[in-house]
Amino acid sequence: MSSASIWQRTDLDLAAINRGEERSLVQHLGIEIVEVGDDFVSATMPVDERTLQPHGRLHGGASVALAETVGSLAANLTLNPAEEIAVGLEINANHVRPVKAGLVHATARPESLGRTTQIWSIRIVDDQQRLVCISRLTMAVIGVERK
């Protein structure tokens, strides 16, 4: 990782990150973190019986869950987890194109990394790199509670 990296966390092993999502919505939907670059996080999600709506198209809620997953992970990687965590404050999504099968690919990139809030843009594309959904996620940065 180059010196231009925005990450504070050093535990960027993809296998460990994915293990941390076991027994959660992320695992249930088949979301897999596939890359952590210097300023982005990418993940995939299958379009299958877990993520389709009754009309056989990718469920918008599944797209939002994917967007919040990659954006939330990215936000938390920018923080020292012993001092701060980021939690979702607001998310919006525009669903652009239906998908019926394959994988969707999400990439989160920062728009603003403030002291108390962060804003992330998440693009979700299909296997042909066509835009499926674009989302904006606002994260609140809060102190870790000490016991």
C-alpha atoms as a PDB file:
ATOM      1  CA  MET A   1       0.000   0.000   0.000  1.00  0.00           C
ATOM      2  CA  SER A   2       1.426   3.389  -0.959  1.00  0.00           C
ATOM      3  CA  SER A   3       1.850   6.385   1.319  1.00  0.00           C
ATOM      4  CA  ALA A   4      -1.249   7.941  -0.315  1.00  0.00           C
ATOM      5  CA  SER A   5      -3.516   5.458   1.445  1.00  0.00           C
ATOM      6  CA  ILE A   6      -6.392   6.914   3.490  1.00  0.00           C
ATOM      7  CA  TRP A   7      -6.633   3.919   5.810  1.00  0.00           C
ATOM      8  CA  GLN A   8      -5.739   4.057   9.500  1.00  0.00           C
ATOM      9  CA  ARG A   9      -6.304   0.357  10.030  1.00  0.00           C
ATOM     10  CA  THR A  10      -3.506  -1.986   9.074  1.00  0.00           C
ATOM     11  CA  ASP A  11      -5.502  -5.246   9.207  1.00  0.00           C
ATOM     12  CA  LEU A  12      -6.475  -5.139   5.530  1.00  0.00           C
ATOM     13  CA  ASP A  13      -6.330  -8.885   4.889  1.00  0.00           C
ATOM     14  CA  LEU A  14      -9.367  -9.660   2.702  1.00  0.00           C
ATOM     15  CA  ALA A  15      -9.878 -13.119   4.189  1.00  0.00           C
ATOM     16  CA  ALA A  16      -9.910 -11.667   7.719  1.00  0.00           C
ATOM     17  CA  ILE A  17     -12.272  -8.860   6.700  1.00  0.00           C
ATOM     18  CA  ASN A  18     -14.675 -11.370   5.130  1.00  0.00           C
ATOM     19  CA  ARG A  19     -14.443 -13.674   8.181  1.00  0.00           C
ATOM     20  CA  GLY A  20     -15.492 -10.704  10.297  1.00  0.00           C
ATOM     21  CA  GLU A  21     -18.794 -10.610   8.386  1.00  0.00           C
ATOM     22  CA  GLU A  22     -19.725 -14.238   9.135  1.00  0.00           C
ATOM     23  CA  ARG A  23     -23.175 -14.884  10.616  1.00  0.00           C
ATOM     24  CA  SER A  24     -24.495 -11.520   9.458  1.00  0.00           C
ATOM     25  CA  LEU A  25     -26.652 -10.004   6.720  1.00  0.00           C
ATOM     26  CA  VAL A  26     -23.482  -9.641   4.658  1.00  0.00           C
ATOM     27  CA  GLN A  27     -22.888 -13.402   4.650  1.00  0.00           C
ATOM     28  CA  HIS A  28     -26.579 -14.168   4.098  1.00  0.00           C
ATOM     29  CA  LEU A  29     -26.636 -12.001   0.941  1.00  0.00           C
ATOM     30  CA  GLY A  30     -23.356 -13.503  -0.324  1.00  0.00           C
ATOM     31  CA  ILE A  31     -21.494 -10.182  -0.229  1.00  0.00           C
ATOM     32  CA  GLU A  32     -17.724 -10.578  -0.510  1.00  0.00           C
ATOM     33  CA  ILE A  33     -15.130  -7.849  -0.058  1.00  0.00           C
ATOM     34  CA  VAL A  34     -12.800  -8.280  -3.027  1.00  0.00           C
ATOM     35  CA  GLU A  35     -10.388  -5.327  -2.965  1.00  0.00           C
ATOM     36  CA  VAL A  36      -9.096  -2.564  -0.747  1.00  0.00           C
ATOM     37  CA  GLY A  37      -7.193   0.056  -2.752  1.00  0.00           C
ATOM     38  CA  ASP A  38      -5.502   3.209  -1.492  1.00  0.00           C
ATOM     39  CA  ASP A  39      -8.811   5.111  -1.415  1.00  0.00           C
ATOM     40  CA  PHE A  40     -11.582   2.630  -2.217  1.00  0.00           C
ATOM     41  CA  VAL A  41     -13.212  -0.606  -1.098  1.00  0.00           C
ATOM     42  CA  SER A  42     -14.872  -2.992  -3.562  1.00  0.00           C
ATOM     43  CA  ALA A  43     -17.241  -5.901  -3.042  1.00  0.00           C
ATOM     44  CA  THR A  44     -19.407  -8.258  -5.064  1.00  0.00           C
ATOM     45  CA  MET A  45     -22.865  -9.678  -4.464  1.00  0.00           C
ATOM     46  CA  PRO A  46     -24.599 -12.452  -6.402  1.00  0.00           C
ATOM     47  CA  VAL A  47     -27.909 -11.786  -8.084  1.00  0.00           C
ATOM     48  CA  ASP A  48     -29.769 -14.943  -7.064  1.00  0.00           C
ATOM     49  CA  GLU A  49     -32.716 -16.148  -4.975  1.00  0.00           C
ATOM     50  CA  ARG A  50     -31.344 -14.274  -1.923  1.00  0.00           C
ATOM     51  CA  THR A  51     -31.219 -10.884  -3.647  1.00  0.00           C
ATOM     52  CA  LEU A  52     -34.064 -10.947  -6.209  1.00  0.00           C
ATOM     53  CA  GLN A  53     -37.470  -9.339  -5.801  1.00  0.00           C
ATOM     54  CA  PRO A  54     -40.603 -11.288  -6.858  1.00  0.00           C
ATOM     55  CA  HIS A  55     -40.362 -10.009 -10.462  1.00  0.00           C
ATOM     56  CA  GLY A  56     -36.962 -11.644 -10.937  1.00  0.00           C
ATOM     57  CA  ARG A  57     -34.876  -8.479 -10.748  1.00  0.00           C
ATOM     58  CA  LEU A  58     -32.250  -7.371  -8.227  1.00  0.00           C
ATOM     59  CA  HIS A  59     -34.064  -6.058  -5.143  1.00  0.00           C
ATOM     60  CA  GLY A  60     -33.360  -2.386  -4.456  1.00  0.00           C
ATOM     61  CA  GLY A  61     -32.973  -3.169  -0.771  1.00  0.00           C
ATOM     62  CA  ALA A  62     -30.231  -5.665  -1.576  1.00  0.00           C
ATOM     63  CA  SER A  63     -28.410  -2.959  -3.559  1.00  0.00           C
ATOM     64  CA  VAL A  64     -28.706  -0.597  -0.590  1.00  0.00           C
ATOM     65  CA  ALA A  65     -27.417  -3.301   1.772  1.00  0.00           C
ATOM     66  CA  LEU A  66     -24.417  -3.809  -0.524  1.00  0.00           C
ATOM     67  CA  ALA A  67     -23.788  -0.051  -0.708  1.00  0.00           C
ATOM     68  CA  GLU A  68     -23.972   0.368   3.061  1.00  0.00           C
ATOM     69  CA  THR A  69     -21.715  -2.640   3.589  1.00  0.00           C
ATOM     70  CA  VAL A  70     -18.847  -1.326   1.454  1.00  0.00           C
ATOM     71  CA  GLY A  71     -19.283   2.280   2.563  1.00  0.00           C
ATOM     72  CA  SER A  72     -19.449   1.395   6.248  1.00  0.00           C
ATOM     73  CA  LEU A  73     -16.412  -0.862   6.020  1.00  0.00           C
ATOM     74  CA  ALA A  74     -14.475   1.832   4.184  1.00  0.00           C
ATOM     75  CA  ALA A  75     -15.427   4.495   6.733  1.00  0.00           C
ATOM     76  CA  ASN A  76     -14.313   2.312   9.613  1.00  0.00           C
ATOM     77  CA  LEU A  77     -10.999   1.513   7.930  1.00  0.00           C
ATOM     78  CA  THR A  78     -10.159   5.242   8.050  1.00  0.00           C
ATOM     79  CA  LEU A  79     -10.476   5.298  11.846  1.00  0.00           C
ATOM     80  CA  ASN A  80      -8.523   3.971  14.801  1.00  0.00           C
ATOM     81  CA  PRO A  81     -11.015   1.380  16.161  1.00  0.00           C
ATOM     82  CA  ALA A  82      -9.697   1.802  19.707  1.00  0.00           C
ATOM     83  CA  GLU A  83     -10.876   5.430  19.651  1.00  0.00           C
ATOM     84  CA  GLU A  84     -13.662   5.865  17.084  1.00  0.00           C
ATOM     85  CA  ILE A  85     -16.164   4.008  14.954  1.00  0.00           C
ATOM     86  CA  ALA A  86     -18.368   5.111  12.075  1.00  0.00           C
ATOM     87  CA  VAL A  87     -22.089   4.327  12.053  1.00  0.00           C
ATOM     88  CA  GLY A  88     -24.654   4.910   9.342  1.00  0.00           C
ATOM     89  CA  LEU A  89     -26.503   8.211   9.514  1.00  0.00           C
ATOM     90  CA  GLU A  90     -28.229   8.381   6.107  1.00  0.00           C
ATOM     91  CA  ILE A  91     -28.178   6.547   2.797  1.00  0.00           C
ATOM     92  CA  ASN A  92     -29.888   7.208  -0.506  1.00  0.00           C
ATOM     93  CA  ALA A  93     -29.836   5.255  -3.717  1.00  0.00           C
ATOM     94  CA  ASN A  94     -30.856   5.704  -7.327  1.00  0.00           C
ATOM     95  CA  HIS A  95     -31.640   2.415  -9.044  1.00  0.00           C
ATOM     96  CA  VAL A  96     -30.684   2.834 -12.701  1.00  0.00           C
ATOM     97  CA  ARG A  97     -30.732  -0.579 -14.395  1.00  0.00           C
ATOM     98  CA  PRO A  98     -32.322  -3.936 -13.566  1.00  0.00           C
ATOM     99  CA  VAL A  99     -30.151  -7.017 -13.172  1.00  0.00           C
ATOM    100  CA  LYS A 100     -31.525 -10.562 -13.386  1.00  0.00           C
ATOM    101  CA  ALA A 101     -28.418 -12.743 -12.908  1.00  0.00           C
ATOM    102  CA  GLY A 102     -24.659 -12.703 -12.384  1.00  0.00           C
ATOM    103  CA  LEU A 103     -22.812 -10.508  -9.933  1.00  0.00           C
ATOM    104  CA  VAL A 104     -23.046  -6.862  -9.071  1.00  0.00           C
ATOM    105  CA  HIS A 105     -19.858  -5.014  -8.167  1.00  0.00           C
ATOM    106  CA  ALA A 106     -19.798  -2.118  -5.685  1.00  0.00           C
ATOM    107  CA  THR A 107     -17.021   0.407  -5.117  1.00  0.00           C
ATOM    108  CA  ALA A 108     -17.035   2.960  -2.290  1.00  0.00           C
ATOM    109  CA  ARG A 109     -14.949   6.130  -2.543  1.00  0.00           C
ATOM    110  CA  PRO A 110     -14.834   9.051  -0.113  1.00  0.00           C
ATOM    111  CA  GLU A 111     -16.374  12.419  -0.898  1.00  0.00           C
ATOM    112  CA  SER A 112     -15.620  13.946   2.509  1.00  0.00           C
ATOM    113  CA  LEU A 113     -13.661  12.591   5.468  1.00  0.00           C
ATOM    114  CA  GLY A 114     -14.575  14.995   8.243  1.00  0.00           C
ATOM    115  CA  ARG A 115     -13.896  14.765  11.953  1.00  0.00           C
ATOM    116  CA  THR A 116     -17.532  13.979  12.874  1.00  0.00           C
ATOM    117  CA  THR A 117     -19.079  12.874   9.566  1.00  0.00           C
ATOM    118  CA  GLN A 118     -17.947  11.130   6.425  1.00  0.00           C
ATOM    119  CA  ILE A 119     -19.671  10.996   3.044  1.00  0.00           C
ATOM    120  CA  TRP A 120     -19.087   8.081   0.662  1.00  0.00           C
ATOM    121  CA  SER A 121     -20.214   7.536  -2.929  1.00  0.00           C
ATOM    122  CA  ILE A 122     -20.908   3.951  -3.921  1.00  0.00           C
ATOM    123  CA  ARG A 123     -21.261   2.852  -7.549  1.00  0.00           C
ATOM    124  CA  ILE A 124     -22.785  -0.536  -8.261  1.00  0.00           C
ATOM    125  CA  VAL A 125     -22.297  -1.977 -11.737  1.00  0.00           C
ATOM    126  CA  ASP A 126     -23.221  -5.254 -13.434  1.00  0.00           C
ATOM    127  CA  ASP A 127     -20.848  -7.780 -15.008  1.00  0.00           C
ATOM    128  CA  GLN A 128     -20.703  -5.604 -18.160  1.00  0.00           C
ATOM    129  CA  GLN A 129     -19.706  -2.543 -16.073  1.00  0.00           C
ATOM    130  CA  ARG A 130     -23.074  -0.852 -16.690  1.00  0.00           C
ATOM    131  CA  LEU A 131     -24.335   1.374 -13.870  1.00  0.00           C
ATOM    132  CA  VAL A 132     -26.979  -0.402 -11.785  1.00  0.00           C
ATOM    133  CA  CYS A 133     -27.209   1.849  -8.717  1.00  0.00           C
ATOM    134  CA  ILE A 134     -25.502   4.928  -7.375  1.00  0.00           C
ATOM    135  CA  SER A 135     -25.676   5.642  -3.675  1.00  0.00           C
ATOM    136  CA  ARG A 136     -24.489   8.242  -1.191  1.00  0.00           C
ATOM    137  CA  LEU A 137     -23.829   7.189   2.399  1.00  0.00           C
ATOM    138  CA  THR A 138     -23.328   9.578   5.309  1.00  0.00           C
ATOM    139  CA  MET A 139     -21.540   8.123   8.322  1.00  0.00           C
ATOM    140  CA  ALA A 140     -21.370   9.598  11.825  1.00  0.00           C
ATOM    141  CA  VAL A 141     -17.986   9.283  13.544  1.00  0.00           C
ATOM    142  CA  ILE A 142     -18.475   8.569  17.237  1.00  0.00           C
ATOM    143  CA  GLY A 143     -16.175   7.844  20.144  1.00  0.00           C
ATOM    144  CA  VAL A 144     -15.814   4.308  21.437  1.00  0.00           C
ATOM    145  CA  GLU A 145     -17.544   3.818  24.777  1.00  0.00           C
ATOM    146  CA  ARG A 146     -15.138   2.979  27.584  1.00  0.00           C
ATOM    147  CA  LYS A 147     -16.275   0.616  30.338  1.00  0.00           C
END
